[in-house]
Amino acid sequence: MAYQRVVAKFGTGLLTAGTDHLDLSVMADLVGQVAKLQRQGQAVIIVSSGAVAAGRHKLHIEGERKDIPFKQVLAAVGQSHLMQCYEQLFAWYHITVAQALLTRADLSQRSGYLNARNTLLALLELRVVPIINENDVVAVEELAGATFGDNDNLSAMVANLVDADLLVLLGETAGLYTADPHQHPEARLVPLVEKVDESIEKLAQDTTSPQGIGGMATKIEAAQLATASGVAVVIADGREPDVLVRLAAGDKMGTFFPPATEKLESRRRWLLGAPVKGQLVVDGGVQKALRERNHSLLPIGVKSVEGQFQRGDIVAIVDGTGKRIACGVANYSSQDLTRLVGQHSNKIAQILGYEYGEEIVHRDNLVKW
């Protein structure tokens, strides 16, 4: 089984090869694998650590300092260096990259979630490789060691955000073991975790590396978050030859966590379980298109707008009798939509003075009733 949309998280220890600086040979190998996947028609989003380590090396800082503002300084300096390395390495393959710095707050709000999702999906359509990192300069929670602020969990959130098929967490360990392999040579790799329960959590004793923030415990948390959203997860050793290419092809390596639910069902629960803020009445042609084909809802098919809602709210899509046929995330507010009813999509910018896309509700954010 080949996975078509992959989120790959590269840990600090992997990118630095255990040193105090970015290892360009390691990065070049990983970039080459991403380029190969793209040539095969697969899409890859990178969630990359390493900014703080890069900043420390760039400023010739030795030793550890625990104060948050100083680590934010290192992140600010190192992030540009990290991106410069990626940009130069991907240029060998004539691939354009894009930087996206996110915080927990960005994805907790509907509008931020929608903006981030639309941007990342648009980048993938243009065959641009998004490179994502926590915005360390403002995300104090991550640098303070808060559980939800590490890049392992960020990568799980991104995988859910873009409906990824596979999340790969690459570091310096081959996966989850029955004991810490550094201290117990007899430790055995756990190849498959059907469900994250108390016994699995006990195995994931956090062995945080000097360079990075997360350990096995955060990877297990990330796996639990992603699999609950219908995404398969693998924890593997990023130093293995062609590890990313092989995992994306469905090879068995590391520790595999199968999806806990179908993506459609997970998305259906999110959309259908959310409170509806308003509704859009559509004509007969649109009703048929939504029921029988995987179409987005365009303004020309909307007959009227009912209720007050904001961009990013959940709205019901109903027929002329008020019968609900679908629901989804609105790309425009009710105030905007009252001006767009029955209009062609190419007139949105002219009417509003701005646009968030040609769709009122994108098909990726729509579930049929």
Protein backbone atom coordinates (compact mmCIF):
# COMPACT_ATOMS: atom_id res chain seq x y z
CA MET A 1 0.00 0.00 0.00
CA ALA A 2 1.47 3.35 -1.07
CA TYR A 3 0.54 6.45 0.88
CA GLN A 4 -0.25 9.50 -1.25
CA ARG A 5 -0.05 12.30 1.33
CA VAL A 6 2.66 12.05 3.97
CA VAL A 7 3.60 14.29 6.90
CA ALA A 8 7.22 13.68 7.92
CA LYS A 9 8.56 14.98 11.22
CA PHE A 10 12.35 15.31 11.47
CA GLY A 11 13.69 15.45 15.02
CA THR A 12 16.54 17.64 16.23
CA GLY A 13 18.75 14.67 17.11
CA LEU A 14 18.33 13.31 13.58
CA LEU A 15 19.04 16.62 11.82
CA THR A 16 22.13 17.29 13.95
CA ALA A 17 23.32 13.65 13.96
CA GLY A 18 23.79 14.06 17.71
CA THR A 19 26.13 17.06 17.34
CA ASP A 20 25.64 20.73 18.17
CA HIS A 21 24.91 21.80 14.58
CA LEU A 22 22.81 20.85 11.56
CA ASP A 23 24.33 17.95 9.62
CA LEU A 24 23.94 18.84 5.94
CA SER A 25 24.68 15.30 4.76
CA VAL A 26 21.76 13.99 6.84
CA MET A 27 19.50 16.79 5.63
CA ALA A 28 20.55 16.21 2.01
CA ASP A 29 19.62 12.54 2.26
CA LEU A 30 16.18 13.33 3.70
CA VAL A 31 15.56 16.03 1.10
CA GLY A 32 16.51 13.58 -1.66
CA GLN A 33 13.91 11.13 -0.36
CA VAL A 34 11.22 13.81 -0.31
CA ALA A 35 12.15 14.78 -3.87
CA LYS A 36 11.84 11.15 -4.97
CA LEU A 37 8.38 10.87 -3.44
CA GLN A 38 7.29 14.02 -5.21
CA ARG A 39 8.55 12.66 -8.54
CA GLN A 40 6.39 9.60 -7.87
CA GLY A 41 3.35 11.83 -7.50
CA GLN A 42 3.16 11.71 -3.71
CA ALA A 43 2.82 14.83 -1.56
CA VAL A 44 5.01 15.45 1.49
CA ILE A 45 4.78 18.05 4.25
CA ILE A 46 7.81 18.40 6.53
CA VAL A 47 7.55 19.30 10.20
CA SER A 48 11.11 20.20 11.12
CA SER A 49 12.80 20.70 14.45
CA GLY A 50 16.35 22.01 14.72
CA ALA A 51 15.92 25.78 14.89
CA VAL A 52 17.15 26.17 18.47
CA ALA A 53 20.14 23.89 17.85
CA ALA A 54 20.97 25.81 14.66
CA GLY A 55 20.75 29.14 16.50
CA ARG A 56 23.00 27.92 19.31
CA HIS A 57 25.65 26.88 16.81
CA LYS A 58 25.30 30.06 14.75
CA LEU A 59 25.88 32.24 17.83
CA HIS A 60 28.68 29.98 19.11
CA ILE A 61 26.81 29.35 22.37
CA GLU A 62 28.00 26.47 24.52
CA GLY A 63 26.13 24.85 27.36
CA GLU A 64 22.48 25.05 28.34
CA ARG A 65 20.47 28.02 29.55
CA LYS A 66 16.95 27.38 30.81
CA ASP A 67 15.48 30.88 30.47
CA ILE A 68 12.76 31.04 27.85
CA PRO A 69 13.63 34.41 26.21
CA PHE A 70 17.16 33.20 25.48
CA LYS A 71 15.85 30.06 23.79
CA GLN A 72 13.49 32.22 21.77
CA VAL A 73 16.51 34.22 20.60
CA LEU A 74 18.19 30.99 19.51
CA ALA A 75 15.04 29.95 17.66
CA ALA A 76 14.79 33.30 15.88
CA VAL A 77 18.39 33.09 14.70
CA GLY A 78 18.28 29.41 13.88
CA GLN A 79 15.00 29.31 11.98
CA SER A 80 16.31 31.39 9.09
CA HIS A 81 19.45 29.25 8.91
CA LEU A 82 17.36 26.07 8.97
CA MET A 83 15.17 27.30 6.11
CA GLN A 84 18.20 28.45 4.12
CA CYS A 85 19.60 24.92 4.33
CA TYR A 86 16.32 23.39 3.16
CA GLU A 87 15.94 25.90 0.35
CA GLN A 88 19.42 25.25 -1.00
CA LEU A 89 19.09 21.48 -0.74
CA PHE A 90 15.69 21.35 -2.43
CA ALA A 91 16.97 23.68 -5.17
CA TRP A 92 19.14 20.78 -6.38
CA TYR A 93 15.89 19.09 -7.37
CA HIS A 94 14.23 22.28 -8.66
CA ILE A 95 11.67 22.09 -5.85
CA THR A 96 10.29 25.21 -4.19
CA VAL A 97 9.77 25.22 -0.44
CA ALA A 98 7.54 27.33 1.79
CA GLN A 99 7.90 28.14 5.47
CA ALA A 100 4.93 27.93 7.82
CA LEU A 101 5.33 28.80 11.50
CA LEU A 102 2.37 27.70 13.60
CA THR A 103 1.32 27.85 17.22
CA ARG A 104 -1.31 25.93 19.11
CA ALA A 105 -3.53 29.02 19.11
CA ASP A 106 -3.41 29.19 15.30
CA LEU A 107 -5.11 25.81 14.98
CA SER A 108 -7.46 26.04 17.94
CA GLN A 109 -9.56 28.77 16.29
CA ARG A 110 -11.77 27.86 13.36
CA SER A 111 -10.60 30.73 11.16
CA GLY A 112 -6.94 29.94 11.84
CA TYR A 113 -7.53 26.25 11.24
CA LEU A 114 -9.25 27.00 7.94
CA ASN A 115 -6.60 29.47 6.79
CA ALA A 116 -3.77 27.08 7.59
CA ARG A 117 -5.54 24.17 5.90
CA ASN A 118 -6.34 26.11 2.73
CA THR A 119 -2.79 27.45 2.49
CA LEU A 120 -1.14 24.06 2.93
CA LEU A 121 -3.48 22.35 0.45
CA ALA A 122 -2.86 25.11 -2.09
CA LEU A 123 0.91 24.69 -1.67
CA LEU A 124 0.61 20.96 -2.28
CA GLU A 125 -1.42 21.58 -5.43
CA LEU A 126 1.44 23.78 -6.68
CA ARG A 127 3.93 21.02 -5.81
CA VAL A 128 5.58 23.20 -3.21
CA VAL A 129 7.00 21.43 -0.14
CA PRO A 130 5.73 23.12 3.06
CA ILE A 131 8.22 23.11 5.93
CA ILE A 132 6.50 23.66 9.25
CA ASN A 133 7.84 24.45 12.68
CA GLU A 134 6.41 25.65 15.95
CA ASN A 135 6.67 29.43 16.12
CA ASP A 136 9.18 29.31 18.96
CA VAL A 137 9.49 33.08 19.20
CA VAL A 138 5.94 33.36 20.53
CA ALA A 139 5.09 29.78 21.56
CA VAL A 140 6.36 29.91 25.13
CA GLU A 141 4.52 26.68 25.95
CA GLU A 142 6.79 24.63 23.71
CA LEU A 143 10.04 26.01 25.05
CA ALA A 144 8.81 25.60 28.61
CA GLY A 145 8.27 21.91 27.85
CA ALA A 146 4.46 21.87 27.82
CA THR A 147 3.18 18.52 26.60
CA PHE A 148 1.11 19.80 23.68
CA GLY A 149 3.71 22.24 22.36
CA ASP A 150 6.35 19.90 20.91
CA ASN A 151 6.84 19.20 17.23
CA ASP A 152 5.71 15.58 17.58
CA ASN A 153 2.23 16.70 18.54
CA LEU A 154 2.37 19.58 16.07
CA SER A 155 3.02 17.06 13.29
CA ALA A 156 -0.04 15.07 14.40
CA MET A 157 -2.14 18.23 14.26
CA VAL A 158 -0.81 18.99 10.77
CA ALA A 159 -1.56 15.43 9.61
CA ASN A 160 -5.16 15.88 10.74
CA LEU A 161 -5.27 19.36 9.24
CA VAL A 162 -4.41 18.20 5.70
CA ASP A 163 -6.07 14.75 5.84
CA ALA A 164 -2.72 12.96 5.53
CA ASP A 165 -2.60 9.22 4.92
CA LEU A 166 0.59 8.70 6.92
CA LEU A 167 2.52 10.48 9.67
CA VAL A 168 6.18 9.48 9.95
CA LEU A 169 8.06 10.46 13.12
CA LEU A 170 11.75 10.15 12.32
CA GLY A 171 14.42 10.37 14.99
CA GLU A 172 17.40 8.41 16.26
CA THR A 173 15.49 5.41 17.56
CA ALA A 174 13.98 2.57 15.55
CA GLY A 175 10.63 2.82 17.33
CA LEU A 176 9.01 1.84 20.59
CA TYR A 177 10.89 -0.78 22.60
CA THR A 178 9.93 -3.03 25.50
CA ALA A 179 12.57 -1.14 27.52
CA ASP A 180 15.09 1.65 26.98
CA PRO A 181 17.50 0.05 24.46
CA HIS A 182 20.34 2.30 25.63
CA GLN A 183 20.15 0.79 29.10
CA HIS A 184 18.75 -2.66 28.35
CA PRO A 185 20.44 -4.48 25.43
CA GLU A 186 17.78 -7.20 25.59
CA ALA A 187 15.02 -4.70 24.77
CA ARG A 188 12.85 -5.71 21.80
CA LEU A 189 11.24 -3.47 19.21
CA VAL A 190 7.43 -3.33 19.31
CA PRO A 191 6.49 -3.54 15.59
CA LEU A 192 2.75 -2.93 15.95
CA VAL A 193 0.61 -0.98 18.41
CA GLU A 194 -3.08 -1.60 17.77
CA LYS A 195 -4.16 0.70 20.59
CA VAL A 196 -2.38 3.11 22.90
CA ASP A 197 -3.29 1.97 26.40
CA GLU A 198 -1.69 2.17 29.84
CA SER A 199 0.77 -0.62 29.06
CA ILE A 200 2.04 1.22 25.97
CA GLU A 201 2.32 4.48 27.88
CA LYS A 202 4.45 2.74 30.50
CA LEU A 203 6.86 1.61 27.80
CA ALA A 204 7.22 5.18 26.55
CA GLN A 205 9.40 6.46 29.34
CA ASP A 206 10.48 9.90 28.19
CA THR A 207 14.19 9.92 27.32
CA THR A 208 14.57 13.51 26.19
CA SER A 209 17.75 14.13 24.25
CA PRO A 210 20.02 17.11 25.03
CA GLN A 211 19.26 18.67 21.64
CA GLY A 212 15.51 18.12 21.40
CA ILE A 213 12.34 18.71 23.38
CA GLY A 214 10.34 15.57 22.79
CA GLY A 215 11.00 11.93 23.65
CA MET A 216 9.14 8.66 23.17
CA ALA A 217 6.29 9.80 25.43
CA THR A 218 5.46 12.73 23.16
CA LYS A 219 5.66 10.47 20.09
CA ILE A 220 3.11 8.13 21.65
CA GLU A 221 0.85 11.12 22.39
CA ALA A 222 1.23 12.25 18.78
CA ALA A 223 0.44 8.77 17.50
CA GLN A 224 -2.70 8.65 19.64
CA LEU A 225 -3.84 12.04 18.35
CA ALA A 226 -3.18 11.23 14.69
CA THR A 227 -4.67 7.72 14.67
CA ALA A 228 -7.84 9.06 16.28
CA SER A 229 -8.14 11.30 13.21
CA GLY A 230 -7.81 8.39 10.79
CA VAL A 231 -4.08 8.77 10.06
CA ALA A 232 -1.59 5.88 10.12
CA VAL A 233 1.59 6.58 12.13
CA VAL A 234 5.11 5.15 12.10
CA ILE A 235 7.94 5.86 14.54
CA ALA A 236 11.21 4.95 12.84
CA ASP A 237 14.96 5.57 12.68
CA GLY A 238 15.60 8.39 10.23
CA ARG A 239 19.13 7.13 9.60
CA GLU A 240 17.90 3.97 7.86
CA PRO A 241 18.55 4.00 4.08
CA ASP A 242 15.59 5.38 2.12
CA VAL A 243 13.46 5.14 5.25
CA LEU A 244 10.90 7.73 4.15
CA VAL A 245 10.54 6.31 0.64
CA ARG A 246 10.16 2.78 1.97
CA LEU A 247 7.60 3.74 4.60
CA ALA A 248 5.57 5.74 2.08
CA ALA A 249 5.53 2.62 -0.11
CA GLY A 250 4.02 0.65 2.76
CA ASP A 251 7.14 -1.22 3.92
CA LYS A 252 7.14 -2.46 7.51
CA MET A 253 9.72 -0.63 9.60
CA GLY A 254 9.84 0.79 13.09
CA THR A 255 6.64 0.83 15.15
CA PHE A 256 3.37 1.07 13.22
CA PHE A 257 0.14 2.51 14.62
CA PRO A 258 -2.88 1.79 12.37
CA PRO A 259 -5.67 4.36 12.14
CA ALA A 260 -8.19 4.04 14.95
CA THR A 261 -11.00 5.15 12.66
CA GLU A 262 -11.76 5.81 9.01
CA LYS A 263 -10.93 9.36 7.96
CA LEU A 264 -14.41 9.88 6.60
CA GLU A 265 -16.01 8.85 9.87
CA SER A 266 -13.64 11.00 11.90
CA ARG A 267 -14.39 14.01 9.71
CA ARG A 268 -18.12 13.24 9.75
CA ARG A 269 -18.13 13.23 13.54
CA TRP A 270 -16.33 16.57 13.63
CA LEU A 271 -18.59 18.28 11.10
CA LEU A 272 -21.90 16.69 11.98
CA GLY A 273 -21.29 17.02 15.71
CA ALA A 274 -20.44 20.72 15.62
CA PRO A 275 -23.14 23.32 16.26
CA VAL A 276 -24.64 24.76 13.07
CA LYS A 277 -24.61 28.56 12.99
CA GLY A 278 -26.74 29.10 9.87
CA GLN A 279 -27.90 27.53 6.64
CA LEU A 280 -27.58 27.93 2.90
CA VAL A 281 -30.57 27.20 0.66
CA VAL A 282 -29.49 25.75 -2.69
CA ASP A 283 -31.23 25.03 -5.99
CA GLY A 284 -32.10 21.66 -7.47
CA GLY A 285 -29.01 21.36 -9.64
CA VAL A 286 -26.72 21.88 -6.69
CA GLN A 287 -28.65 19.37 -4.61
CA LYS A 288 -28.03 16.70 -7.23
CA ALA A 289 -24.36 17.63 -7.61
CA LEU A 290 -23.78 17.46 -3.87
CA ARG A 291 -25.63 14.16 -3.47
CA GLU A 292 -24.18 12.35 -6.46
CA ARG A 293 -20.78 13.94 -7.04
CA ASN A 294 -17.94 15.25 -4.90
CA HIS A 295 -18.49 18.94 -5.72
CA SER A 296 -17.75 22.10 -3.78
CA LEU A 297 -20.56 24.59 -3.19
CA LEU A 298 -20.19 27.72 -5.35
CA PRO A 299 -22.07 31.02 -4.85
CA ILE A 300 -24.01 30.65 -8.08
CA GLY A 301 -25.86 27.66 -6.63
CA VAL A 302 -26.96 29.42 -3.43
CA LYS A 303 -30.51 30.81 -3.40
CA SER A 304 -30.56 32.40 0.06
CA VAL A 305 -28.64 32.71 3.32
CA GLU A 306 -30.26 32.20 6.71
CA GLY A 307 -28.81 32.98 10.14
CA GLN A 308 -25.74 34.86 11.30
CA PHE A 309 -22.35 33.17 11.08
CA GLN A 310 -18.69 33.94 10.59
CA ARG A 311 -16.11 32.56 8.20
CA GLY A 312 -15.03 29.18 9.56
CA ASP A 313 -18.37 28.35 11.21
CA ILE A 314 -20.31 25.17 10.40
CA VAL A 315 -23.37 25.76 8.22
CA ALA A 316 -26.15 23.47 7.02
CA ILE A 317 -26.90 23.15 3.31
CA VAL A 318 -30.62 22.66 2.72
CA ASP A 319 -33.05 22.33 -0.17
CA GLY A 320 -36.03 24.56 -0.85
CA THR A 321 -38.16 22.73 1.74
CA GLY A 322 -35.57 23.16 4.48
CA LYS A 323 -34.42 19.54 4.35
CA ARG A 324 -30.75 19.26 5.22
CA ILE A 325 -28.63 17.61 2.52
CA ALA A 326 -25.12 18.44 3.75
CA CYS A 327 -23.10 20.57 6.11
CA GLY A 328 -19.65 22.10 6.00
CA VAL A 329 -17.28 24.90 6.90
CA ALA A 330 -18.20 28.29 5.42
CA ASN A 331 -15.43 30.13 3.61
CA TYR A 332 -17.35 33.41 3.96
CA SER A 333 -19.48 35.07 6.62
CA SER A 334 -23.25 35.37 6.30
CA GLN A 335 -22.83 39.09 5.69
CA ASP A 336 -20.53 38.41 2.75
CA LEU A 337 -22.68 35.60 1.40
CA THR A 338 -25.82 37.70 1.19
CA ARG A 339 -23.93 39.77 -1.39
CA LEU A 340 -22.67 36.72 -3.28
CA VAL A 341 -25.94 34.78 -3.70
CA GLY A 342 -26.33 33.62 -7.30
CA GLN A 343 -23.08 35.23 -8.44
CA HIS A 344 -20.28 33.65 -10.48
CA SER A 345 -17.13 32.87 -8.52
CA ASN A 346 -14.99 35.12 -10.71
CA LYS A 347 -16.93 38.13 -9.38
CA ILE A 348 -16.24 37.51 -5.67
CA ALA A 349 -13.23 39.83 -5.45
CA GLN A 350 -15.03 42.51 -7.44
CA ILE A 351 -18.08 42.39 -5.15
CA LEU A 352 -16.32 42.08 -1.77
CA GLY A 353 -12.97 43.68 -2.51
CA TYR A 354 -11.24 40.45 -1.42
CA GLU A 355 -11.70 36.71 -1.70
CA TYR A 356 -10.90 33.52 0.23
CA GLY A 357 -11.35 31.21 -2.73
CA GLU A 358 -14.04 30.49 -5.31
CA GLU A 359 -15.91 28.03 -3.10
CA ILE A 360 -18.53 28.90 -0.49
CA VAL A 361 -17.91 25.50 1.06
CA HIS A 362 -14.94 23.50 -0.25
CA ARG A 363 -15.59 19.83 -0.95
CA ASP A 364 -12.80 18.89 1.52
CA ASN A 365 -14.77 20.68 4.25
CA LEU A 366 -18.19 19.28 3.32
CA VAL A 367 -20.02 16.15 4.43
CA LYS A 368 -23.21 14.90 2.82
CA TRP A 369 -26.09 14.24 5.18
